Protein backbone atom coordinates (compact mmCIF):
# COMPACT_ATOMS: atom_id res chain seq x y z
CA MET A 1 6.14 -8.62 -93.58
CA CYS A 2 5.27 -4.90 -93.68
CA TYR A 3 3.75 -5.24 -90.24
CA ILE A 4 6.99 -6.69 -88.85
CA LEU A 5 9.11 -3.90 -90.39
CA LYS A 6 6.76 -1.29 -89.04
CA GLU A 7 6.93 -2.85 -85.59
CA LYS A 8 10.75 -2.84 -85.69
CA LYS A 9 10.76 0.83 -86.67
CA GLU A 10 8.48 1.67 -83.73
CA ILE A 11 10.76 -0.23 -81.32
CA MET A 12 13.84 1.61 -82.63
CA LYS A 13 12.00 4.93 -82.30
CA LYS A 14 11.04 4.26 -78.70
CA THR A 15 14.58 3.10 -77.89
CA LEU A 16 16.01 6.33 -79.31
CA LEU A 17 13.58 8.41 -77.26
CA LEU A 18 14.54 6.55 -74.08
CA LEU A 19 18.24 7.14 -74.79
CA VAL A 20 17.65 10.87 -75.33
CA SER A 21 15.58 11.10 -72.16
CA ALA A 22 18.24 9.28 -70.16
CA PHE A 23 20.91 11.62 -71.52
CA LEU A 24 18.85 14.67 -70.59
CA VAL A 25 18.24 13.35 -67.07
CA PHE A 26 21.95 12.61 -66.66
CA PHE A 27 22.90 16.05 -67.99
CA THR A 28 20.40 17.81 -65.75
CA SER A 29 21.54 15.84 -62.70
CA CYS A 30 25.16 16.73 -63.31
CA LYS A 31 24.26 20.37 -63.76
CA LYS A 32 22.24 20.38 -60.52
CA ASP A 33 25.15 18.89 -58.58
CA ASP A 34 27.50 21.55 -59.98
CA SER A 35 25.26 24.46 -59.06
CA GLU A 36 22.08 24.12 -56.96
CA PRO A 37 19.41 26.44 -58.40
CA GLU A 38 18.24 29.14 -55.98
CA GLU A 39 14.73 28.91 -54.59
CA VAL A 40 12.37 31.30 -56.33
CA VAL A 41 10.59 33.29 -53.63
CA VAL A 42 7.24 34.49 -54.89
CA VAL A 43 5.53 35.16 -51.54
CA ALA A 44 6.24 38.65 -50.17
CA LEU A 45 6.71 39.01 -46.41
CA ASN A 46 4.10 41.45 -45.10
CA ASN A 47 5.86 42.42 -41.85
CA GLU A 48 9.58 42.13 -41.08
CA ILE A 49 8.83 42.11 -37.34
CA ASN A 50 7.20 38.70 -37.74
CA GLU A 51 10.39 37.22 -39.17
CA PHE A 52 12.41 38.69 -36.29
CA ILE A 53 9.96 37.27 -33.74
CA TRP A 54 10.20 33.76 -35.18
CA GLU A 55 13.98 33.81 -35.74
CA GLY A 56 14.70 35.18 -32.27
CA MET A 57 12.48 32.61 -30.57
CA ASN A 58 13.91 29.79 -32.70
CA TYR A 59 17.43 30.82 -31.67
CA TRP A 60 16.96 31.48 -27.92
CA TYR A 61 13.70 30.05 -26.54
CA TYR A 62 14.24 27.51 -23.78
CA TRP A 63 11.41 25.25 -25.02
CA GLN A 64 12.30 25.60 -28.73
CA ALA A 65 12.67 21.83 -29.17
CA ASP A 66 9.24 21.24 -27.63
CA GLN A 67 7.36 23.84 -29.68
CA THR A 68 6.57 22.38 -33.13
CA SER A 69 5.92 25.81 -34.66
CA LEU A 70 9.56 26.69 -33.87
CA ALA A 71 11.05 23.63 -35.59
CA ASP A 72 14.13 24.39 -37.73
CA ASN A 73 12.54 22.88 -40.85
CA LYS A 74 9.74 25.45 -40.64
CA LYS A 75 11.79 27.88 -42.74
CA ILE A 76 13.30 25.47 -45.32
CA ASP A 77 10.76 26.50 -47.93
CA LYS A 78 10.79 30.31 -47.93
CA ASN A 79 7.42 30.61 -49.63
CA GLU A 80 5.75 28.35 -47.09
CA PHE A 81 7.56 30.13 -44.24
CA TYR A 82 6.42 33.58 -45.39
CA THR A 83 2.89 32.31 -45.97
CA TYR A 84 2.86 31.08 -42.38
CA LEU A 85 4.19 34.40 -41.00
CA ASN A 86 1.71 36.41 -43.08
CA LYS A 87 -1.17 34.73 -41.26
CA PHE A 88 -0.36 37.00 -38.29
CA SER A 89 -1.30 40.63 -38.88
CA ASP A 90 -0.22 41.43 -35.30
CA PRO A 91 3.35 40.39 -34.32
CA GLU A 92 2.29 40.04 -30.68
CA LYS A 93 -0.22 37.35 -31.68
CA LEU A 94 2.57 35.48 -33.47
CA PHE A 95 4.72 35.73 -30.34
CA LYS A 96 1.94 34.40 -28.13
CA SER A 97 1.37 31.50 -30.52
CA LEU A 98 5.04 30.49 -30.09
CA VAL A 99 4.94 30.41 -26.28
CA PHE A 100 4.98 26.80 -25.08
CA LYS A 101 1.88 25.84 -23.07
CA PRO A 102 1.16 29.29 -21.60
CA ASP A 103 -0.16 29.29 -18.01
CA GLU A 104 0.89 25.65 -17.71
CA VAL A 105 4.60 25.55 -18.55
CA ASP A 106 5.61 29.07 -19.61
CA ASP A 107 3.68 31.93 -18.06
CA PHE A 108 6.60 34.36 -17.83
CA SER A 109 7.74 35.13 -21.42
CA TRP A 110 6.43 38.42 -22.77
CA TYR A 111 6.32 40.68 -25.82
CA ILE A 112 7.91 44.15 -25.61
CA PRO A 113 6.23 46.92 -27.66
CA ASN A 114 8.97 49.45 -26.83
CA VAL A 115 12.46 48.16 -25.98
CA ALA A 116 13.80 51.54 -24.77
CA GLU A 117 11.03 51.92 -22.18
CA GLN A 118 11.52 48.35 -20.96
CA LEU A 119 15.26 48.86 -20.53
CA ASP A 120 14.59 51.94 -18.40
CA ASP A 121 12.39 49.81 -16.15
CA PHE A 122 15.20 47.28 -15.76
CA ARG A 123 17.55 50.12 -14.77
CA GLY A 124 15.15 51.22 -12.04
CA ILE A 125 13.87 54.24 -13.99
CA SER A 126 10.13 54.31 -14.66
CA LYS A 127 7.20 56.68 -14.70
CA SER A 128 5.00 56.01 -11.70
CA TYR A 129 3.46 57.42 -8.54
CA GLY A 130 5.95 55.53 -6.36
CA ILE A 131 3.23 53.43 -4.71
CA ASN A 132 4.12 49.77 -4.32
CA LEU A 133 1.41 47.28 -3.42
CA PRO A 134 1.15 43.77 -1.98
CA ARG A 135 -0.26 41.07 -4.25
CA ASN A 136 -3.86 40.92 -3.00
CA LEU A 137 -6.76 43.20 -2.25
CA LEU A 138 -8.61 42.60 1.03
CA ARG A 139 -12.28 42.42 1.90
CA VAL A 140 -13.07 44.15 5.17
CA GLY A 141 -14.91 41.82 7.55
CA SER A 142 -18.28 40.71 6.19
CA THR A 143 -18.84 43.97 4.28
CA ASN A 144 -18.49 44.49 0.53
CA ASP A 145 -15.78 47.09 1.11
CA VAL A 146 -12.35 46.40 -0.35
CA VAL A 147 -9.00 47.92 0.66
CA ILE A 148 -5.30 47.47 -0.05
CA PHE A 149 -2.44 48.72 2.09
CA ILE A 150 0.61 50.48 0.71
CA ALA A 151 3.55 48.09 0.98
CA TYR A 152 6.11 50.86 0.60
CA VAL A 153 6.58 54.24 -1.04
CA THR A 154 9.55 55.07 -3.25
CA PRO A 155 11.59 57.93 -1.73
CA GLY A 156 11.33 61.17 -3.72
CA SER A 157 8.26 59.97 -5.62
CA PRO A 158 4.97 61.88 -6.02
CA ALA A 159 3.43 59.61 -3.35
CA ALA A 160 6.27 60.30 -0.89
CA ILE A 161 6.09 64.04 -1.51
CA ALA A 162 2.32 63.93 -0.91
CA GLY A 163 2.85 62.25 2.45
CA LEU A 164 1.64 58.72 1.69
CA LYS A 165 3.45 55.98 3.60
CA ARG A 166 3.71 52.26 4.23
CA GLY A 167 0.58 50.88 5.87
CA ASP A 168 -1.86 53.50 4.55
CA LEU A 169 -5.11 51.81 3.49
CA ILE A 170 -6.38 52.77 0.03
CA ASN A 171 -10.12 52.48 -0.58
CA ARG A 172 -11.03 55.24 -3.03
CA VAL A 173 -9.69 55.61 -6.59
CA ASP A 174 -10.68 58.76 -8.46
CA GLY A 175 -13.47 59.32 -5.96
CA VAL A 176 -14.95 55.83 -6.28
CA ALA A 177 -14.87 53.50 -3.26
CA MET A 178 -13.64 49.99 -4.02
CA ASN A 179 -16.01 47.10 -3.40
CA LEU A 180 -16.33 43.48 -4.48
CA ASP A 181 -17.84 44.50 -7.83
CA ASN A 182 -15.45 47.24 -8.97
CA ALA A 183 -12.14 46.32 -7.32
CA THR A 184 -10.27 46.38 -10.66
CA ILE A 185 -10.25 50.18 -10.53
CA ILE A 186 -7.06 49.83 -8.45
CA ASN A 187 -5.26 49.03 -11.72
CA LYS A 188 -5.58 52.68 -12.73
CA LEU A 189 -2.39 53.05 -10.68
CA PHE A 190 -0.54 51.34 -13.54
CA SER A 191 -2.26 52.96 -16.52
CA GLN A 192 -3.07 56.62 -15.78
CA GLU A 193 -0.88 59.71 -15.72
CA ASN A 194 -3.03 61.31 -13.00
CA ILE A 195 -4.98 59.80 -10.14
CA SER A 196 -6.64 60.63 -6.84
CA LEU A 197 -6.57 58.22 -3.92
CA GLY A 198 -8.59 58.18 -0.73
CA LEU A 199 -7.61 56.50 2.52
CA VAL A 200 -9.61 54.79 5.24
CA LYS A 201 -9.06 53.33 8.67
CA ILE A 202 -10.67 50.19 10.07
CA VAL A 203 -12.89 50.57 13.13
CA ASN A 204 -14.61 47.46 14.50
CA LYS A 205 -14.06 45.67 11.18
CA ASN A 206 -15.74 48.45 9.23
CA VAL A 207 -14.35 51.07 6.84
CA GLU A 208 -14.21 54.63 8.13
CA SER A 209 -13.20 57.22 5.52
CA ILE A 210 -10.42 59.70 6.11
CA ASP A 211 -11.17 63.12 4.63
CA GLY A 212 -8.97 64.61 1.93
CA ASP A 213 -7.95 62.66 -1.16
CA PHE A 214 -4.40 62.67 -2.55
CA ASN A 215 -4.10 63.99 -6.12
CA LEU A 216 -1.01 62.57 -7.84
CA THR A 217 0.73 62.95 -11.18
CA ALA A 218 3.07 60.19 -12.34
CA ALA A 219 6.73 61.10 -12.72
CA GLU A 220 9.88 59.43 -13.97
CA ILE A 221 11.85 58.50 -10.89
CA PRO A 222 14.88 56.31 -10.16
CA THR A 223 14.04 53.48 -7.77
CA ASN A 224 16.84 52.36 -5.50
CA PRO A 225 16.07 48.72 -4.55
CA VAL A 226 18.04 49.20 -1.31
CA HIS A 227 14.95 50.51 0.44
CA TYR A 228 15.91 50.29 4.11
CA TYR A 229 18.69 48.91 6.29
CA SER A 230 19.72 49.06 9.94
CA VAL A 231 21.52 47.20 12.70
CA ILE A 232 19.35 45.85 15.49
CA GLU A 233 20.95 45.09 18.87
CA GLU A 234 18.94 42.58 20.84
CA GLY A 235 19.76 39.65 23.12
CA GLY A 236 23.49 40.04 22.61
CA LYS A 237 23.07 39.87 18.84
CA ARG A 238 24.03 42.49 16.29
CA VAL A 239 21.55 41.87 13.51
CA GLY A 240 21.90 43.36 10.06
CA TYR A 241 18.45 43.99 8.55
CA LEU A 242 18.04 44.84 4.85
CA VAL A 243 14.85 45.50 2.88
CA PHE A 244 15.87 44.76 -0.70
CA ASN A 245 13.12 45.22 -3.27
CA GLY A 246 14.74 44.35 -6.60
CA PHE A 247 17.92 42.87 -8.07
CA THR A 248 18.74 45.97 -10.13
CA ALA A 249 22.30 45.79 -11.46
CA THR A 250 22.67 49.56 -11.84
CA PHE A 251 22.49 49.81 -8.04
CA ASN A 252 25.16 47.19 -7.29
CA GLY A 253 27.33 49.92 -5.76
CA GLU A 254 24.63 50.97 -3.30
CA LEU A 255 24.13 47.33 -2.30
CA ASN A 256 27.86 46.96 -1.64
CA ASP A 257 27.76 50.10 0.51
CA VAL A 258 25.18 48.45 2.79
CA PHE A 259 27.51 45.53 3.40
CA ASP A 260 30.36 47.96 4.07
CA PHE A 261 28.15 49.38 6.82
CA PHE A 262 27.19 45.93 8.16
CA LYS A 263 30.85 44.88 8.27
CA ALA A 264 31.87 48.07 10.05
CA GLN A 265 29.10 47.46 12.60
CA ASN A 266 30.32 43.91 13.24
CA VAL A 267 26.96 42.28 12.55
CA ASN A 268 26.83 38.58 13.42
CA GLU A 269 23.30 37.81 12.18
CA LEU A 270 21.48 38.79 9.01
CA ILE A 271 17.79 39.18 8.09
CA LEU A 272 17.13 39.77 4.41
CA ASP A 273 13.66 41.13 3.66
CA LEU A 274 12.60 40.02 0.17
CA ARG A 275 8.83 40.01 0.67
CA TYR A 276 8.30 42.54 -2.17
CA ASN A 277 11.23 41.47 -4.34
CA GLY A 278 10.05 39.99 -7.64
CA GLY A 279 13.59 39.44 -8.92
CA GLY A 280 15.87 41.02 -11.51
CA SER A 281 19.50 40.61 -12.51
CA VAL A 282 21.16 37.20 -12.24
CA LEU A 283 24.53 38.88 -11.66
CA THR A 284 23.18 40.94 -8.76
CA SER A 285 21.80 37.75 -7.21
CA ALA A 286 25.28 36.18 -7.39
CA LEU A 287 26.85 39.32 -5.92
CA LEU A 288 24.43 39.46 -2.99
CA ALA A 289 25.03 35.78 -2.22
CA SER A 290 28.78 36.46 -2.29
CA MET A 291 28.37 39.37 0.16
CA ILE A 292 26.38 37.20 2.56
CA LYS A 293 28.52 34.05 2.47
CA GLY A 294 31.96 35.60 2.46
CA ASN A 295 33.89 32.54 3.58
CA VAL A 296 33.14 30.58 0.39
CA ALA A 297 36.06 30.58 -2.03
CA ALA A 298 35.58 33.07 -4.86
CA ASN A 299 35.76 32.18 -8.56
CA THR A 300 35.97 28.43 -7.87
CA SER A 301 32.83 27.66 -5.83
CA ALA A 302 29.62 27.59 -7.87
CA PHE A 303 26.66 29.73 -6.85
CA ALA A 304 24.39 28.85 -9.77
CA ARG A 305 24.38 27.24 -13.20
CA LEU A 306 22.25 28.42 -16.12
CA GLN A 307 21.04 25.73 -18.52
CA TYR A 308 20.06 26.94 -22.01
CA ASN A 309 18.31 25.16 -24.88
CA LYS A 310 20.11 22.47 -26.85
CA LYS A 311 20.77 24.74 -29.84
CA ARG A 312 23.08 27.09 -28.00
CA ASN A 313 26.83 26.55 -28.08
CA ASP A 314 26.95 26.57 -24.29
CA VAL A 315 24.86 23.40 -24.06
CA LYS A 316 26.37 22.54 -20.68
CA GLY A 317 25.24 25.86 -19.28
CA PHE A 318 27.06 28.78 -17.74
CA THR A 319 28.18 28.83 -14.12
CA TYR A 320 28.12 31.87 -11.84
CA PRO A 321 30.73 31.55 -9.09
CA PHE A 322 30.92 33.37 -5.77
CA LEU A 323 32.73 36.64 -6.47
CA ASN A 324 35.26 39.01 -4.91
CA GLU A 325 34.68 41.86 -7.37
CA ASN A 326 31.61 44.04 -7.72
CA TYR A 327 30.37 44.96 -11.22
CA LEU A 328 29.17 48.54 -11.72
CA PHE A 329 26.85 49.79 -14.47
CA ASP A 330 25.74 53.24 -15.58
CA LYS A 331 22.27 54.08 -14.28
CA LYS A 332 21.11 55.69 -17.53
CA THR A 333 22.61 53.38 -20.13
CA SER A 334 23.46 50.21 -18.14
CA ALA A 335 26.94 50.35 -19.73
CA PHE A 336 29.64 48.61 -17.72
CA ILE A 337 31.76 51.27 -15.96
CA GLY A 338 34.19 49.24 -13.86
CA ASN A 339 34.84 47.04 -10.88
CA GLU A 340 35.33 47.58 -7.18
CA SER A 341 36.20 45.27 -4.32
CA LEU A 342 33.19 43.36 -3.06
CA THR A 343 32.51 43.51 0.68
CA ARG A 344 31.96 39.98 1.98
CA LEU A 345 30.77 39.14 5.50
CA GLN A 346 32.77 36.35 7.08
CA ASN A 347 30.72 35.42 10.14
CA ILE A 348 27.15 34.83 8.93
CA SER A 349 26.39 31.16 9.57
CA LYS A 350 22.62 31.27 9.04
CA LEU A 351 20.43 33.49 6.88
CA TYR A 352 16.88 34.58 7.67
CA VAL A 353 14.80 35.51 4.62
CA LEU A 354 11.42 37.26 4.90
CA THR A 355 9.15 36.34 1.99
CA GLY A 356 5.73 37.14 0.58
CA LYS A 357 3.50 36.29 -2.36
CA GLY A 358 5.67 38.55 -4.51
CA THR A 359 9.02 36.92 -3.72
CA ALA A 360 10.20 35.44 -7.03
CA SER A 361 12.88 34.55 -9.57
CA ALA A 362 16.25 36.14 -8.68
CA SER A 363 15.15 36.16 -5.01
CA GLU A 364 14.42 32.44 -5.19
CA MET A 365 17.66 31.90 -7.13
CA MET A 366 19.59 33.41 -4.24
CA ILE A 367 17.80 31.22 -1.67
CA ASN A 368 18.41 28.13 -3.82
CA GLY A 369 22.04 29.05 -4.51
CA LEU A 370 22.92 29.58 -0.84
CA ARG A 371 21.21 26.49 0.54
CA PRO A 372 24.10 24.08 -0.22
CA TYR A 373 26.42 26.37 1.79
CA MET A 374 24.37 27.53 4.80
CA PRO A 375 20.98 27.15 6.52
CA VAL A 376 18.40 29.52 5.03
CA LYS A 377 15.31 29.98 7.20
CA ILE A 378 12.24 31.36 5.42
CA ILE A 379 9.64 33.35 7.34
CA GLY A 380 6.48 34.67 5.76
CA GLU A 381 4.56 33.21 2.83
CA LYS A 382 5.15 30.73 0.04
CA THR A 383 7.21 32.21 -2.80
CA VAL A 384 6.14 32.37 -6.45
CA GLY A 385 8.16 29.46 -7.85
CA LYS A 386 10.08 30.80 -10.84
CA ASN A 387 13.27 28.90 -11.62
CA GLU A 388 13.67 30.20 -15.19
CA GLY A 389 15.17 33.39 -16.55
CA SER A 390 15.07 35.57 -19.63
CA ILE A 391 17.04 37.95 -21.80
CA THR A 392 15.95 40.92 -23.86
CA VAL A 393 15.88 39.75 -27.49
CA VAL A 394 16.03 42.55 -30.07
CA ASP A 395 16.14 42.81 -33.85
CA SER A 396 19.90 43.07 -34.20
CA PRO A 397 22.65 41.16 -36.06
CA GLY A 398 24.28 38.06 -34.62
CA ASP A 399 22.57 36.58 -31.58
CA TYR A 400 19.77 39.19 -31.25
CA THR A 401 21.17 40.75 -28.06
CA ASP A 402 23.03 43.85 -29.30
CA LEU A 403 20.91 46.69 -27.96
CA ASN A 404 23.04 49.31 -29.70
CA ILE A 405 22.48 48.06 -33.26
CA ARG A 406 18.74 47.53 -33.35
CA ASN A 407 16.65 47.65 -36.50
CA PRO A 408 15.57 51.32 -36.73
CA ASN A 409 12.31 50.40 -38.48
CA HIS A 410 10.54 49.33 -35.28
CA THR A 411 10.76 49.36 -31.46
CA VAL A 412 9.65 45.78 -30.79
CA GLY A 413 11.56 43.28 -28.64
CA MET A 414 10.88 40.14 -26.61
CA GLN A 415 11.63 38.84 -23.14
CA PRO A 416 11.44 35.06 -23.60
CA ILE A 417 12.51 32.45 -21.07
CA VAL A 418 15.91 31.19 -22.24
CA PHE A 419 17.40 29.31 -19.28
CA GLN A 420 16.66 27.32 -16.14
CA VAL A 421 18.74 27.85 -13.02
CA TYR A 422 20.34 25.17 -10.82
CA ASN A 423 22.45 25.41 -7.67
CA SER A 424 25.77 23.66 -7.01
CA ALA A 425 23.89 20.54 -5.87
CA ASN A 426 22.06 20.51 -9.24
CA GLN A 427 18.76 21.42 -7.56
CA SER A 428 16.06 23.36 -9.36
CA ASP A 429 12.92 21.84 -7.88
CA TYR A 430 11.01 24.89 -6.68
CA THR A 431 8.53 25.50 -9.50
CA LEU A 432 5.77 25.50 -6.85
CA GLY A 433 7.69 27.96 -4.70
CA PHE A 434 9.58 27.67 -1.43
CA ASN A 435 7.39 26.91 1.57
CA PRO A 436 8.17 29.03 4.64
CA ASP A 437 9.65 27.43 7.72
CA ILE A 438 7.42 29.74 9.76
CA GLN A 439 4.16 30.80 8.12
CA VAL A 440 3.20 34.44 8.65
CA ASN A 441 0.71 36.25 6.39
CA GLU A 442 1.29 40.00 6.51
CA ASN A 443 -2.25 40.59 5.24
CA ASP A 444 -3.57 39.29 8.55
CA PHE A 445 -2.23 42.49 10.11
CA TYR A 446 -3.45 44.83 7.36
CA ASP A 447 -4.95 47.41 9.74
CA ASP A 448 -1.72 47.78 11.73
CA ILE A 449 1.18 47.59 9.25
CA LYS A 450 4.29 48.86 10.97
CA ALA A 451 7.31 50.61 9.46
CA PHE A 452 10.33 48.66 8.24
CA GLY A 453 12.82 48.29 11.06
CA ASP A 454 10.21 48.52 13.82
CA THR A 455 11.05 45.48 15.93
CA ASN A 456 7.33 44.82 16.45
CA GLU A 457 6.72 44.59 12.70
CA VAL A 458 5.24 41.13 12.34
CA LEU A 459 7.73 39.36 10.02
CA LEU A 460 10.79 41.00 11.55
CA ARG A 461 9.57 40.22 15.09
CA THR A 462 9.00 36.58 14.16
CA ALA A 463 12.54 36.29 12.78
CA LEU A 464 14.05 37.93 15.86
CA ASN A 465 12.04 35.68 18.18
CA ASP A 466 13.26 32.57 16.38
CA MET A 467 16.84 33.82 16.30
CA LEU A 468 16.84 34.58 20.01
CA GLY A 469 14.80 31.55 21.05
CA THR A 470 12.31 33.71 22.90
CA SER A 471 8.57 34.39 22.88
CA THR A 472 9.11 38.10 23.57
CA GLY A 473 6.58 40.22 21.73
CA LYS A 474 4.33 37.32 20.70
CA SER A 475 1.26 39.20 21.97
CA ALA A 476 1.88 41.74 19.22
CA LEU A 477 1.63 39.01 16.59
CA LYS A 478 -2.04 38.14 17.06
CA PRO A 479 -3.66 38.29 13.61
CA ASN A 480 -7.09 39.59 12.66
CA SER A 481 -9.71 36.89 12.21
CA GLY A 482 -11.89 36.47 9.17
CA ILE A 483 -9.60 38.25 6.69
CA GLN A 484 -10.52 37.50 3.08
CA GLU A 485 -7.94 37.99 0.34
CA ILE A 486 -9.09 38.84 -3.18
CA GLU A 487 -6.60 37.26 -5.55
CA LYS A 488 -5.63 37.95 -9.18
CA VAL A 489 -7.25 41.37 -9.40
CA VAL A 490 -4.20 43.64 -9.27
CA LYS A 491 -2.51 43.55 -12.70
CA PHE A 492 1.14 44.19 -12.05
CA PRO A 493 3.59 44.96 -14.91
CA LYS A 494 4.96 41.90 -16.74
CA PHE A 495 8.46 42.32 -15.32
CA SER A 496 7.22 42.20 -11.71
CA PHE A 497 8.37 38.56 -11.58
CA ASP A 498 11.59 38.21 -13.50
CA MET A 499 15.13 36.92 -13.51
CA TYR A 500 17.13 38.21 -16.44
CA LEU A 501 20.54 38.76 -17.95
CA MET A 502 21.30 42.33 -18.95
CA ASP A 503 23.00 42.66 -22.34
CA ASN A 504 26.29 43.55 -20.60
CA GLU A 505 26.01 40.48 -18.36
CA ILE A 506 25.76 37.96 -21.19
CA ASN A 507 29.40 38.29 -22.23
CA ILE A 508 31.04 38.69 -18.79
CA ASN A 509 33.97 36.33 -18.27
CA PHE A 510 34.60 35.69 -14.59
């Protein structure tokens, strides 16, 4: 009997405990619904730049959905998120870890140590010698000697003042002759404040030194991408010829002036020389296309469409139309300063484009954008194959693009790929580059590089011959035999191949 009473007491005790526990659970649940407790963050973030790098890439990066380390749920738990970021003592290493399949899918996004310096480069203001090179070094005959010719010299630069010119063959750098073993010394052109260069000439496929080296000191110089232009009269044609070396928006006015000249000269053919043009501003690409194809309706006909990642509000992309107005920007600040009427040629029915191994991005965008509207004949070499573009992402409020309200604690920025470009026919299939209609390798003529505008210059002559349907001058186009190109030695700046939106372009409403 005592055992039974004791058992009943134990049952009642357990029942009471269950009721109390249930009440507490119910009370706690109700309280949690009323006010969610804040997460207690116990892990300190070691470097605020790391958080900016991740947040900016998560917001803008074109391949954000494909990169698991950029998944939105990565930052749900703040402690885990900060622990992950703290694994990277160097923000650049974090950035590189976020790039999707580098050298396979994305080989164009880059980290910016100093945003101000990068913006100057985009405006055409940089510290250099003014020497611009083709993409490859060249081995001379069967010797071990290596040379590279000067593609062009920036007017007013230290190189121009010293008397260096297009076609000069560089062999010596700081007194050392380049050969197959030390050819990387040419990259001192991009890293040193002072340099000496020695020239050679080629005699019977051997190097013959020219006495007297050129001693140069780098200087900050503005670089007008409108390098050369003229009107060539031949075979009853009036041919406008333009060497355009970069889509730099701060020189949109100078570009428009060229087309004023072409229009006044009644040109009826056009040759656009983009062999050294690695790209630049998307807007400038649209403006140049509008100047060339002037009989396409403005503001309604599409030149190009930009497709962003799925997180952006403009999921369907942003369309650049053909334009009637030119957009002008301050050369020092890139601030928008006004519009002017855009000069548009009305009688160009076919475009000739001269290309090289350095023709990329905004250059290719222009070719792709014009193709649905007119024949575009490519003469030269296969282009790079870059159908994506970038923006400068900075540590600022909002969408990370306000260059005027940057975090004063650091200078870091990023230039990630954020969009892919399509033409009006929804074509964007040139990741391997555009193949030329007529193959001509300028390097084959390395020991006789002629000035821009010389009608016997190899690429220009080939275009004129095709335009006129004649073989005139073909004897001048006989290449050297046995030329050997040395690839991937010259380390050009990251922005050499780029297509980007300036901060003032992002919010333009056409």
